[in-house]
N, C-alpha and C. Protein backbone atom coordinates (compact mmCIF):
# COMPACT_ATOMS: atom_id res chain seq x y z
N MET A 1 126.78 170.98 288.17
CA MET A 1 125.84 171.48 287.18
C MET A 1 126.51 172.57 286.34
N ALA A 2 125.92 172.78 285.16
CA ALA A 2 126.45 173.80 284.26
C ALA A 2 125.33 174.39 283.42
N ASN A 3 125.48 175.63 283.07
CA ASN A 3 124.63 176.27 282.07
C ASN A 3 125.40 176.27 280.77
N PHE A 4 124.67 176.18 279.65
CA PHE A 4 125.30 176.14 278.34
C PHE A 4 124.77 177.28 277.50
N ASN A 5 125.66 178.12 276.99
CA ASN A 5 125.28 179.21 276.09
C ASN A 5 125.62 178.80 274.67
N ILE A 6 124.60 178.62 273.85
CA ILE A 6 124.78 178.16 272.48
C ILE A 6 125.38 179.28 271.63
N GLU A 7 126.45 178.95 270.91
CA GLU A 7 127.04 179.90 269.97
C GLU A 7 126.77 179.48 268.53
N LYS A 8 126.75 178.15 268.27
CA LYS A 8 126.50 177.63 266.93
C LYS A 8 125.67 176.36 267.05
N GLU A 9 124.82 176.13 266.04
CA GLU A 9 123.98 174.93 266.05
C GLU A 9 123.68 174.47 264.64
N VAL A 10 123.74 173.16 264.42
CA VAL A 10 123.24 172.52 263.21
C VAL A 10 122.26 171.45 263.68
N SER A 11 121.28 171.11 262.83
CA SER A 11 120.28 170.14 263.26
C SER A 11 119.76 169.31 262.10
N LEU A 12 119.23 168.14 262.47
CA LEU A 12 118.58 167.23 261.53
C LEU A 12 117.15 167.02 261.99
N SER A 13 116.19 167.19 261.11
CA SER A 13 114.80 166.90 261.45
C SER A 13 114.60 165.40 261.48
N LYS A 14 113.91 164.91 262.48
CA LYS A 14 113.64 163.49 262.64
C LYS A 14 112.13 163.27 262.71
N ASP A 15 111.72 162.02 262.77
CA ASP A 15 110.30 161.68 262.85
C ASP A 15 109.62 162.43 263.99
N GLY A 16 108.41 162.86 263.75
CA GLY A 16 107.64 163.55 264.78
C GLY A 16 107.94 165.02 264.90
N GLY A 17 108.85 165.55 264.08
CA GLY A 17 109.13 166.97 264.10
C GLY A 17 110.23 167.39 265.04
N SER A 18 110.75 166.47 265.86
CA SER A 18 111.88 166.81 266.72
C SER A 18 113.14 166.92 265.89
N LYS A 19 114.13 167.62 266.42
CA LYS A 19 115.41 167.79 265.73
C LYS A 19 116.53 167.32 266.64
N LEU A 20 117.46 166.58 266.05
CA LEU A 20 118.69 166.24 266.74
C LEU A 20 119.68 167.35 266.42
N CYS A 21 120.22 167.98 267.45
CA CYS A 21 121.09 169.14 267.27
C CYS A 21 122.51 168.84 267.73
N PHE A 22 123.46 169.44 267.05
CA PHE A 22 124.87 169.45 267.46
C PHE A 22 125.20 170.91 267.71
N GLN A 23 125.70 171.19 268.90
CA GLN A 23 125.91 172.58 269.30
C GLN A 23 127.33 172.81 269.78
N PHE A 24 127.80 174.03 269.56
CA PHE A 24 129.05 174.51 270.14
C PHE A 24 128.69 175.69 271.03
N GLY A 25 129.32 175.76 272.18
CA GLY A 25 129.04 176.88 273.06
C GLY A 25 129.92 176.88 274.29
N LYS A 26 129.54 177.72 275.21
CA LYS A 26 130.32 177.90 276.44
C LYS A 26 129.58 177.29 277.62
N TYR A 27 130.28 176.42 278.33
CA TYR A 27 129.77 175.85 279.58
C TYR A 27 130.18 176.76 280.73
N ASN A 28 129.21 177.16 281.54
CA ASN A 28 129.47 177.95 282.74
C ASN A 28 129.08 177.08 283.94
N TYR A 29 130.08 176.71 284.73
CA TYR A 29 129.88 175.78 285.84
C TYR A 29 129.53 176.51 287.13
N ASP A 30 128.82 175.81 287.99
CA ASP A 30 128.39 176.38 289.27
C ASP A 30 129.56 176.85 290.13
N ASP A 31 130.73 176.23 289.98
CA ASP A 31 131.87 176.62 290.80
C ASP A 31 132.59 177.86 290.27
N GLY A 32 132.04 178.48 289.22
CA GLY A 32 132.62 179.68 288.66
C GLY A 32 133.51 179.43 287.46
N GLY A 33 133.84 178.18 287.20
CA GLY A 33 134.66 177.85 286.04
C GLY A 33 133.85 177.88 284.76
N SER A 34 134.56 177.86 283.64
CA SER A 34 133.87 177.84 282.35
C SER A 34 134.79 177.21 281.31
N GLY A 35 134.21 176.85 280.19
CA GLY A 35 134.98 176.29 279.09
C GLY A 35 134.10 176.10 277.88
N TYR A 36 134.73 176.03 276.71
CA TYR A 36 134.00 175.83 275.47
C TYR A 36 133.97 174.36 275.12
N GLY A 37 132.88 173.94 274.47
CA GLY A 37 132.77 172.55 274.08
C GLY A 37 131.57 172.30 273.18
N TYR A 38 131.35 171.04 272.89
CA TYR A 38 130.31 170.59 271.96
C TYR A 38 129.34 169.67 272.68
N ARG A 39 128.10 169.60 272.15
CA ARG A 39 127.14 168.65 272.69
C ARG A 39 126.10 168.30 271.64
N PHE A 40 125.50 167.14 271.82
CA PHE A 40 124.32 166.73 271.06
C PHE A 40 123.13 166.88 271.99
N ILE A 41 122.00 167.37 271.46
CA ILE A 41 120.80 167.56 272.27
C ILE A 41 119.60 167.54 271.34
N TRP A 42 118.45 167.15 271.87
CA TRP A 42 117.21 167.13 271.09
C TRP A 42 116.44 168.43 271.29
N ARG A 43 115.82 168.90 270.22
CA ARG A 43 114.94 170.07 270.26
C ARG A 43 113.54 169.61 269.87
N TYR A 44 112.56 169.91 270.73
CA TYR A 44 111.16 169.54 270.46
C TYR A 44 110.60 170.34 269.29
N PRO A 45 109.50 169.88 268.69
CA PRO A 45 108.88 170.63 267.59
C PRO A 45 108.54 172.08 267.94
N ASN A 46 108.28 172.36 269.23
CA ASN A 46 107.95 173.73 269.64
C ASN A 46 109.19 174.61 269.81
N GLY A 47 110.39 174.03 269.59
CA GLY A 47 111.63 174.79 269.68
C GLY A 47 112.35 174.66 271.00
N ASN A 48 111.69 174.13 272.02
CA ASN A 48 112.33 173.96 273.33
C ASN A 48 113.34 172.83 273.29
N LEU A 49 114.39 172.95 274.10
CA LEU A 49 115.37 171.89 274.23
C LEU A 49 114.86 170.82 275.19
N GLN A 50 115.19 169.56 274.90
CA GLN A 50 114.78 168.47 275.77
C GLN A 50 115.66 168.46 277.01
N PRO A 51 115.06 168.58 278.19
CA PRO A 51 115.87 168.51 279.40
C PRO A 51 116.35 167.08 279.61
N ALA A 52 117.64 166.90 279.72
CA ALA A 52 118.22 165.57 279.94
C ALA A 52 119.45 165.74 280.80
N ARG A 53 119.83 164.71 281.49
CA ARG A 53 120.99 164.77 282.37
C ARG A 53 122.27 164.49 281.60
N GLY A 54 122.60 165.37 280.66
CA GLY A 54 123.84 165.28 279.93
C GLY A 54 123.90 164.21 278.86
N GLN A 55 122.73 163.67 278.48
CA GLN A 55 122.73 162.61 277.49
C GLN A 55 121.71 162.89 276.40
N ALA A 56 122.06 162.54 275.18
CA ALA A 56 121.14 162.61 274.06
C ALA A 56 121.27 161.30 273.30
N CYS A 57 120.16 160.63 273.08
CA CYS A 57 120.17 159.39 272.31
C CYS A 57 120.37 159.74 270.84
N ILE A 58 121.46 159.28 270.25
CA ILE A 58 121.75 159.53 268.84
C ILE A 58 121.33 158.28 268.08
N PRO A 59 120.34 158.39 267.18
CA PRO A 59 119.77 157.20 266.53
C PRO A 59 120.76 156.38 265.71
N SER A 60 121.75 157.02 265.10
CA SER A 60 122.68 156.26 264.26
C SER A 60 123.99 157.03 264.12
N ILE A 61 125.04 156.28 263.78
CA ILE A 61 126.32 156.93 263.49
C ILE A 61 126.18 157.83 262.27
N ALA A 62 125.34 157.43 261.33
CA ALA A 62 125.12 158.26 260.13
C ALA A 62 124.57 159.64 260.51
N ASP A 63 123.64 159.70 261.46
CA ASP A 63 123.10 160.99 261.92
C ASP A 63 124.20 161.84 262.55
N MET A 64 125.01 161.21 263.38
CA MET A 64 126.10 161.93 264.03
C MET A 64 127.09 162.47 263.01
N LEU A 65 127.47 161.65 262.06
CA LEU A 65 128.42 162.07 261.04
C LEU A 65 127.85 163.17 260.14
N GLU A 66 126.55 163.10 259.86
CA GLU A 66 125.92 164.15 259.05
C GLU A 66 125.97 165.49 259.78
N LEU A 67 125.69 165.50 261.08
CA LEU A 67 125.75 166.74 261.85
C LEU A 67 127.18 167.28 261.90
N LEU A 68 128.15 166.41 262.09
CA LEU A 68 129.55 166.85 262.09
C LEU A 68 129.93 167.42 260.73
N SER A 69 129.49 166.78 259.65
CA SER A 69 129.77 167.27 258.29
C SER A 69 129.14 168.63 258.07
N MET A 70 127.93 168.82 258.55
CA MET A 70 127.26 170.12 258.42
C MET A 70 128.08 171.21 259.12
N ALA A 71 128.57 170.90 260.32
CA ALA A 71 129.37 171.87 261.07
C ALA A 71 130.65 172.20 260.31
N PHE A 72 131.32 171.18 259.74
CA PHE A 72 132.53 171.43 258.95
C PHE A 72 132.22 172.32 257.75
N ARG A 73 131.12 172.02 257.05
CA ARG A 73 130.75 172.82 255.87
C ARG A 73 130.46 174.27 256.24
N GLU A 74 129.94 174.49 257.45
CA GLU A 74 129.67 175.86 257.90
C GLU A 74 130.91 176.55 258.46
N GLY A 75 132.03 175.86 258.46
CA GLY A 75 133.29 176.48 258.88
C GLY A 75 133.56 176.48 260.36
N TRP A 76 132.88 175.62 261.11
CA TRP A 76 133.18 175.56 262.53
C TRP A 76 134.64 175.17 262.72
N ASN A 77 135.26 175.70 263.72
CA ASN A 77 136.64 175.38 264.03
C ASN A 77 136.64 174.18 264.98
N LEU A 78 136.43 172.98 264.44
CA LEU A 78 136.38 171.78 265.27
C LEU A 78 137.80 171.31 265.57
N HIS A 79 138.07 171.13 266.84
CA HIS A 79 139.39 170.61 267.24
C HIS A 79 139.27 169.72 268.44
């Protein structure tokens, strides 16, 4: 298991008010290890994150590419 501390986020509003988010942050693992990385996750209309076991259904490649483009435009250091 891991906790994730969000440092940066971009999102797309989708039907029903939920948002598909692309996030950069720090993973803190139960064994004491940590590392930085990226993830896709859904955010409910009330602002809460959707609890999922490490998976987010991405509706289309176009949505994924739009989120990546948004991150590039905001100057994220994607590598």
